[in-house]
């Protein structure tokens, strides 16, 4: 299972993950999680139902595009791929879906957040590593 958010770092993770899948003769599942919790904290989200619906639609569209891109990469590599867009807390959904699908490996990118930001904000990658029952491969972003 390859988690994507459409970023350059997650694309790098997808490249590495797809090579592992290709070499092992497996199948890839690309997952994008629409972060509902983050949406609900936006100003006006609950007060303006039309805005909340539109934002959700935009994020779902972004998720479909991101997972489609990973599956297109998979096709070029000769790898079978399934796209999945889920809603909820990203780390929780990634963990839940990886277990439900009996994934052999969970692959995701990290921007390498460190220091006070990591302590205060946490990160999807850190939560996944701490709680996953599936082996996890973290792929760092490019160094500047």
Protein backbone atom coordinates (compact mmCIF):
# COMPACT_ATOMS: atom_id res chain seq x y z
CA UNK A 1 0.00 0.00 0.00
CA UNK A 2 1.38 3.38 -1.06
CA UNK A 3 0.08 6.46 0.75
CA UNK A 4 0.06 9.62 -1.32
CA UNK A 5 -0.82 13.25 -0.76
CA UNK A 6 0.18 14.35 -4.24
CA UNK A 7 3.44 15.91 -3.04
CA UNK A 8 6.89 15.48 -4.55
CA UNK A 9 7.91 13.42 -1.52
CA UNK A 10 4.99 11.03 -1.89
CA UNK A 11 5.77 10.68 -5.60
CA UNK A 12 9.29 9.64 -4.67
CA UNK A 13 7.82 7.12 -2.22
CA UNK A 14 5.56 5.82 -4.98
CA UNK A 15 8.52 5.35 -7.34
CA UNK A 16 10.39 3.30 -4.76
CA UNK A 17 7.30 1.41 -3.67
CA UNK A 18 6.34 0.50 -7.22
CA UNK A 19 9.81 -0.86 -7.88
CA UNK A 20 9.47 -3.12 -4.82
CA UNK A 21 6.04 -4.25 -6.01
CA UNK A 22 7.36 -4.90 -9.51
CA UNK A 23 10.29 -6.96 -8.24
CA UNK A 24 8.07 -8.98 -5.90
CA UNK A 25 5.33 -9.56 -8.48
CA UNK A 26 2.72 -8.00 -6.23
CA UNK A 27 -0.10 -5.50 -6.62
CA UNK A 28 -0.08 -1.88 -5.45
CA UNK A 29 -2.85 -0.01 -3.70
CA UNK A 30 -2.56 3.79 -3.78
CA UNK A 31 -4.36 5.51 -0.90
CA UNK A 32 -5.15 9.18 -0.32
CA UNK A 33 -6.93 10.29 2.85
CA UNK A 34 -9.09 13.41 2.87
CA UNK A 35 -8.30 14.95 6.27
CA UNK A 36 -11.81 15.66 7.57
CA UNK A 37 -10.48 16.89 10.93
CA UNK A 38 -8.38 19.58 9.27
CA UNK A 39 -11.37 20.68 7.17
CA UNK A 40 -13.60 21.06 10.22
CA UNK A 41 -11.15 23.54 11.77
CA UNK A 42 -11.26 25.95 8.84
CA UNK A 43 -13.04 29.27 9.50
CA UNK A 44 -16.60 29.18 8.18
CA UNK A 45 -16.54 25.43 7.49
CA UNK A 46 -19.52 24.59 9.70
CA UNK A 47 -21.28 27.94 9.23
CA UNK A 48 -21.35 27.74 5.45
CA UNK A 49 -22.60 24.32 4.30
CA UNK A 50 -22.03 25.18 0.65
CA UNK A 51 -18.39 26.00 1.35
CA UNK A 52 -17.83 22.81 3.34
CA UNK A 53 -19.36 20.69 0.58
CA UNK A 54 -17.23 22.39 -2.07
CA UNK A 55 -14.01 22.01 -0.04
CA UNK A 56 -14.75 18.33 0.51
CA UNK A 57 -15.40 17.85 -3.21
CA UNK A 58 -12.12 19.60 -4.06
CA UNK A 59 -10.17 17.41 -1.65
CA UNK A 60 -11.83 14.26 -2.98
CA UNK A 61 -10.93 15.35 -6.52
CA UNK A 62 -7.34 15.96 -5.41
CA UNK A 63 -7.29 12.47 -3.89
CA UNK A 64 -8.60 10.87 -7.07
CA UNK A 65 -5.97 12.69 -9.12
CA UNK A 66 -3.14 11.76 -6.74
CA UNK A 67 -4.09 8.06 -6.65
CA UNK A 68 -4.69 8.02 -10.40
CA UNK A 69 -1.19 9.41 -10.91
CA UNK A 70 0.31 6.62 -8.78
CA UNK A 71 -1.69 4.01 -10.71
CA UNK A 72 -0.50 5.54 -14.01
CA UNK A 73 3.08 5.23 -12.74
CA UNK A 74 2.29 1.62 -11.83
CA UNK A 75 0.95 0.93 -15.32
CA UNK A 76 4.17 2.22 -16.87
CA UNK A 77 6.10 -0.10 -14.52
CA UNK A 78 3.91 -3.07 -15.46
CA UNK A 79 2.35 -3.25 -11.99
CA UNK A 80 -1.34 -3.80 -11.19
CA UNK A 81 -2.75 -0.95 -9.10
CA UNK A 82 -5.92 -0.12 -7.22
CA UNK A 83 -6.80 3.46 -6.21
CA UNK A 84 -8.48 4.23 -2.89
CA UNK A 85 -9.68 7.58 -1.52
CA UNK A 86 -10.73 7.54 2.11
CA UNK A 87 -11.93 10.18 4.58
CA UNK A 88 -10.91 10.74 8.19
CA UNK A 89 -7.71 11.16 10.15
CA UNK A 90 -4.89 10.27 7.74
CA UNK A 91 -2.80 8.13 10.08
CA UNK A 92 -5.84 6.28 11.45
CA UNK A 93 -7.24 5.59 7.98
CA UNK A 94 -3.91 4.48 6.55
CA UNK A 95 -3.46 2.06 9.45
CA UNK A 96 -7.03 0.75 9.22
CA UNK A 97 -7.00 0.31 5.45
CA UNK A 98 -3.59 -1.37 5.42
CA UNK A 99 -4.83 -3.95 7.90
CA UNK A 100 -8.17 -4.48 6.15
CA UNK A 101 -6.45 -5.05 2.82
CA UNK A 102 -3.82 -7.42 4.27
CA UNK A 103 -1.06 -5.24 2.89
CA UNK A 104 2.42 -6.76 3.06
CA UNK A 105 4.16 -3.37 3.19
CA UNK A 106 3.06 0.20 3.80
CA UNK A 107 5.04 2.88 1.96
CA UNK A 108 4.83 6.59 2.59
CA UNK A 109 6.93 9.68 2.23
CA UNK A 110 8.04 11.98 4.98
CA UNK A 111 9.33 15.50 4.82
CA UNK A 112 11.57 14.71 7.78
CA UNK A 113 9.91 17.12 10.17
CA UNK A 114 12.04 17.49 13.27
CA UNK A 115 12.51 19.44 16.45
CA UNK A 116 9.74 21.40 18.11
CA UNK A 117 7.39 21.18 15.09
CA UNK A 118 7.38 17.38 15.31
CA UNK A 119 6.78 17.39 19.06
CA UNK A 120 3.96 19.95 18.90
CA UNK A 121 2.27 18.91 15.68
CA UNK A 122 3.09 15.23 15.29
CA UNK A 123 3.15 13.71 11.86
CA UNK A 124 1.25 11.09 9.89
CA UNK A 125 4.45 9.13 9.30
CA UNK A 126 5.36 9.04 12.97
CA UNK A 127 1.88 7.91 14.04
CA UNK A 128 1.86 5.22 11.36
CA UNK A 129 5.28 3.89 12.38
CA UNK A 130 4.33 3.77 16.05
CA UNK A 131 1.04 1.94 15.49
CA UNK A 132 1.35 -0.16 12.35
CA UNK A 133 1.13 -3.93 12.46
CA UNK A 134 2.28 -3.92 8.84
CA UNK A 135 5.97 -3.25 8.03
CA UNK A 136 6.49 0.39 7.05
CA UNK A 137 8.94 1.88 4.57
CA UNK A 138 9.46 5.64 4.99
CA UNK A 139 10.92 7.50 2.03
CA UNK A 140 12.48 10.89 2.81
CA UNK A 141 12.12 13.92 0.59
CA UNK A 142 15.02 15.17 -1.48
CA UNK A 143 17.69 16.99 0.46
CA UNK A 144 18.28 20.60 -0.50
